[in-house]
Amino acid sequence: MTRTWRYAAAALAVAAAALGCSTEESPVTKQSGASSAAEALVVAFRIANGTVSPVNERREAEVGQPIDLVVDSDADDELHVHATPEYTFAVRPEAGQRFRFTVQVPGRVEIELHHAHKTVATVVVRP
């Protein structure tokens, strides 16, 4: 084997070892993996005897983080999630209803009950 081929083979072996042994994630991988593996933000509320509790909660989430709405209700209503894209969920007179969505665009997301005319929560979604 010529000297040039030996150097090339050695350089390839070193490069392969460096790539194979690297265990640290790059900052880009860490950032993108953080929101996909994030726990869901849970917003729980109750509709009972014509009142909604709590109302006007302020919460924070990250883009792509699942948001779960947990509803106990004694009446029909409709939830509107003012995000991009928008979501609408039918609320039934039932305990423990769960509605999940994710937001892909940062900003303020208002979650409103249509018939009760109440804002349940505003979620500030960060990039």
C-alpha atoms as a PDB file:
ATOM      1  CA  MET A   1       0.000   0.000   0.000  1.00  0.00           C
ATOM      2  CA  THR A   2       1.360   3.402  -0.883  1.00  0.00           C
ATOM      3  CA  ARG A   3       1.877   6.121   1.669  1.00  0.00           C
ATOM      4  CA  THR A   4      -1.046   8.174   0.259  1.00  0.00           C
ATOM      5  CA  TRP A   5      -3.450   5.268   0.643  1.00  0.00           C
ATOM      6  CA  ARG A   6      -2.257   4.646   4.203  1.00  0.00           C
ATOM      7  CA  TYR A   7      -2.918   8.277   5.141  1.00  0.00           C
ATOM      8  CA  ALA A   8      -6.331   8.189   3.465  1.00  0.00           C
ATOM      9  CA  ALA A   9      -7.256   4.946   5.243  1.00  0.00           C
ATOM     10  CA  ALA A  10      -6.091   6.327   8.590  1.00  0.00           C
ATOM     11  CA  ALA A  11      -8.034   9.561   8.070  1.00  0.00           C
ATOM     12  CA  LEU A  12     -11.194   7.610   7.210  1.00  0.00           C
ATOM     13  CA  ALA A  13     -10.787   5.393  10.278  1.00  0.00           C
ATOM     14  CA  VAL A  14     -10.365   8.414  12.551  1.00  0.00           C
ATOM     15  CA  ALA A  15     -13.393  10.150  10.999  1.00  0.00           C
ATOM     16  CA  ALA A  16     -15.537   7.025  11.321  1.00  0.00           C
ATOM     17  CA  ALA A  17     -14.521   6.587  14.962  1.00  0.00           C
ATOM     18  CA  ALA A  18     -15.280  10.218  15.719  1.00  0.00           C
ATOM     19  CA  LEU A  19     -18.728   9.999  14.146  1.00  0.00           C
ATOM     20  CA  GLY A  20     -19.574   6.684  15.779  1.00  0.00           C
ATOM     21  CA  CYS A  21     -18.410   7.667  19.257  1.00  0.00           C
ATOM     22  CA  SER A  22     -20.132  11.014  19.458  1.00  0.00           C
ATOM     23  CA  THR A  23     -22.909  10.794  22.055  1.00  0.00           C
ATOM     24  CA  GLU A  24     -23.604  14.470  22.673  1.00  0.00           C
ATOM     25  CA  GLU A  25     -26.610  15.867  20.853  1.00  0.00           C
ATOM     26  CA  SER A  26     -26.257  19.035  18.860  1.00  0.00           C
ATOM     27  CA  PRO A  27     -28.132  22.118  20.153  1.00  0.00           C
ATOM     28  CA  VAL A  28     -30.513  21.875  17.174  1.00  0.00           C
ATOM     29  CA  THR A  29     -31.411  18.267  18.007  1.00  0.00           C
ATOM     30  CA  LYS A  30     -31.899  19.106  21.676  1.00  0.00           C
ATOM     31  CA  GLN A  31     -34.191  22.010  20.881  1.00  0.00           C
ATOM     32  CA  SER A  32     -36.344  20.135  18.376  1.00  0.00           C
ATOM     33  CA  GLY A  33     -36.579  17.067  20.605  1.00  0.00           C
ATOM     34  CA  ALA A  34     -37.558  19.119  23.660  1.00  0.00           C
ATOM     35  CA  SER A  35     -40.993  20.174  22.438  1.00  0.00           C
ATOM     36  CA  SER A  36     -41.897  16.827  20.864  1.00  0.00           C
ATOM     37  CA  ALA A  37     -41.096  14.969  24.089  1.00  0.00           C
ATOM     38  CA  ALA A  38     -42.632  17.638  26.326  1.00  0.00           C
ATOM     39  CA  GLU A  39     -45.422  16.742  28.669  1.00  0.00           C
ATOM     40  CA  ALA A  40     -48.855  18.023  27.817  1.00  0.00           C
ATOM     41  CA  LEU A  41     -50.087  21.250  29.344  1.00  0.00           C
ATOM     42  CA  VAL A  42     -53.362  20.421  31.106  1.00  0.00           C
ATOM     43  CA  VAL A  43     -56.102  23.046  31.354  1.00  0.00           C
ATOM     44  CA  ALA A  44     -58.943  21.745  33.525  1.00  0.00           C
ATOM     45  CA  PHE A  45     -62.249  23.496  34.130  1.00  0.00           C
ATOM     46  CA  ARG A  46     -65.837  22.857  35.144  1.00  0.00           C
ATOM     47  CA  ILE A  47     -69.212  23.998  33.863  1.00  0.00           C
ATOM     48  CA  ALA A  48     -71.874  23.655  36.571  1.00  0.00           C
ATOM     49  CA  ASN A  49     -75.214  25.373  37.111  1.00  0.00           C
ATOM     50  CA  GLY A  50     -74.478  27.991  34.466  1.00  0.00           C
ATOM     51  CA  THR A  51     -71.071  28.985  35.845  1.00  0.00           C
ATOM     52  CA  VAL A  52     -67.590  28.245  34.555  1.00  0.00           C
ATOM     53  CA  SER A  53     -64.671  27.779  36.910  1.00  0.00           C
ATOM     54  CA  PRO A  54     -61.926  28.838  36.579  1.00  0.00           C
ATOM     55  CA  VAL A  55     -62.049  31.579  33.941  1.00  0.00           C
ATOM     56  CA  ASN A  56     -59.342  33.751  32.393  1.00  0.00           C
ATOM     57  CA  GLU A  57     -56.460  31.500  33.425  1.00  0.00           C
ATOM     58  CA  ARG A  58     -53.057  32.484  32.029  1.00  0.00           C
ATOM     59  CA  ARG A  59     -50.834  29.599  30.959  1.00  0.00           C
ATOM     60  CA  GLU A  60     -47.687  29.042  28.881  1.00  0.00           C
ATOM     61  CA  ALA A  61     -46.712  26.357  26.382  1.00  0.00           C
ATOM     62  CA  GLU A  62     -44.194  25.757  23.617  1.00  0.00           C
ATOM     63  CA  VAL A  63     -44.840  25.341  19.913  1.00  0.00           C
ATOM     64  CA  GLY A  64     -45.692  21.689  19.295  1.00  0.00           C
ATOM     65  CA  GLN A  65     -46.389  20.920  22.958  1.00  0.00           C
ATOM     66  CA  PRO A  66     -49.655  19.011  23.389  1.00  0.00           C
ATOM     67  CA  ILE A  67     -52.388  20.910  25.223  1.00  0.00           C
ATOM     68  CA  ASP A  68     -55.108  18.872  26.939  1.00  0.00           C
ATOM     69  CA  LEU A  69     -58.432  20.405  27.890  1.00  0.00           C
ATOM     70  CA  VAL A  70     -60.158  18.430  30.647  1.00  0.00           C
ATOM     71  CA  VAL A  71     -63.804  19.346  31.107  1.00  0.00           C
ATOM     72  CA  ASP A  72     -66.478  18.399  33.637  1.00  0.00           C
ATOM     73  CA  SER A  73     -69.796  19.760  32.456  1.00  0.00           C
ATOM     74  CA  ASP A  74     -73.476  19.549  33.258  1.00  0.00           C
ATOM     75  CA  ALA A  75     -74.485  21.243  29.962  1.00  0.00           C
ATOM     76  CA  ASP A  76     -73.772  21.183  26.234  1.00  0.00           C
ATOM     77  CA  ASP A  77     -71.400  23.843  24.943  1.00  0.00           C
ATOM     78  CA  GLU A  78     -68.743  24.341  22.319  1.00  0.00           C
ATOM     79  CA  LEU A  79     -65.073  25.073  22.889  1.00  0.00           C
ATOM     80  CA  HIS A  80     -63.297  27.349  20.426  1.00  0.00           C
ATOM     81  CA  VAL A  81     -59.513  27.385  20.364  1.00  0.00           C
ATOM     82  CA  HIS A  82     -58.336  30.528  18.588  1.00  0.00           C
ATOM     83  CA  ALA A  83     -54.998  29.321  17.243  1.00  0.00           C
ATOM     84  CA  THR A  84     -53.496  28.568  13.861  1.00  0.00           C
ATOM     85  CA  PRO A  85     -55.119  26.270  12.950  1.00  0.00           C
ATOM     86  CA  GLU A  86     -58.330  26.845  14.916  1.00  0.00           C
ATOM     87  CA  TYR A  87     -60.020  24.000  16.772  1.00  0.00           C
ATOM     88  CA  THR A  88     -63.624  23.420  17.830  1.00  0.00           C
ATOM     89  CA  PHE A  89     -64.718  20.754  20.315  1.00  0.00           C
ATOM     90  CA  ALA A  90     -68.260  19.751  21.303  1.00  0.00           C
ATOM     91  CA  VAL A  91     -68.740  19.658  25.074  1.00  0.00           C
ATOM     92  CA  ARG A  92     -71.368  17.241  26.411  1.00  0.00           C
ATOM     93  CA  PRO A  93     -72.914  16.997  29.879  1.00  0.00           C
ATOM     94  CA  GLU A  94     -70.299  14.558  31.120  1.00  0.00           C
ATOM     95  CA  ALA A  95     -67.324  14.408  33.490  1.00  0.00           C
ATOM     96  CA  GLY A  96     -63.718  13.894  32.417  1.00  0.00           C
ATOM     97  CA  GLN A  97     -63.952  14.890  28.764  1.00  0.00           C
ATOM     98  CA  ARG A  98     -60.502  15.318  27.168  1.00  0.00           C
ATOM     99  CA  PHE A  99     -59.637  17.304  24.093  1.00  0.00           C
ATOM    100  CA  ARG A 100     -56.035  17.458  22.809  1.00  0.00           C
ATOM    101  CA  PHE A 101     -54.488  19.833  20.321  1.00  0.00           C
ATOM    102  CA  THR A 102     -51.113  21.340  19.466  1.00  0.00           C
ATOM    103  CA  VAL A 103     -50.216  24.821  18.302  1.00  0.00           C
ATOM    104  CA  GLN A 104     -47.629  25.288  15.561  1.00  0.00           C
ATOM    105  CA  VAL A 105     -47.557  29.106  15.468  1.00  0.00           C
ATOM    106  CA  PRO A 106     -46.299  31.103  18.476  1.00  0.00           C
ATOM    107  CA  GLY A 107     -48.576  33.717  20.021  1.00  0.00           C
ATOM    108  CA  ARG A 108     -51.636  34.097  22.258  1.00  0.00           C
ATOM    109  CA  VAL A 109     -54.212  31.320  22.079  1.00  0.00           C
ATOM    110  CA  GLU A 110     -57.618  31.993  23.604  1.00  0.00           C
ATOM    111  CA  ILE A 111     -59.786  29.067  24.666  1.00  0.00           C
ATOM    112  CA  GLU A 112     -63.444  30.113  24.820  1.00  0.00           C
ATOM    113  CA  LEU A 113     -66.774  28.542  25.614  1.00  0.00           C
ATOM    114  CA  HIS A 114     -69.192  29.624  22.894  1.00  0.00           C
ATOM    115  CA  HIS A 115     -72.564  29.324  24.672  1.00  0.00           C
ATOM    116  CA  ALA A 116     -71.325  30.464  28.091  1.00  0.00           C
ATOM    117  CA  HIS A 117     -69.495  33.435  26.508  1.00  0.00           C
ATOM    118  CA  LYS A 118     -66.464  32.849  28.753  1.00  0.00           C
ATOM    119  CA  THR A 119     -62.737  32.723  28.101  1.00  0.00           C
ATOM    120  CA  VAL A 120     -61.500  29.707  30.019  1.00  0.00           C
ATOM    121  CA  ALA A 121     -57.791  30.333  29.432  1.00  0.00           C
ATOM    122  CA  THR A 122     -55.268  32.221  27.389  1.00  0.00           C
ATOM    123  CA  VAL A 123     -52.136  30.251  26.543  1.00  0.00           C
ATOM    124  CA  VAL A 124     -49.018  32.106  25.496  1.00  0.00           C
ATOM    125  CA  VAL A 125     -47.266  29.785  23.042  1.00  0.00           C
ATOM    126  CA  ARG A 126     -43.525  30.375  22.777  1.00  0.00           C
ATOM    127  CA  PRO A 127     -41.224  29.237  19.956  1.00  0.00           C
END
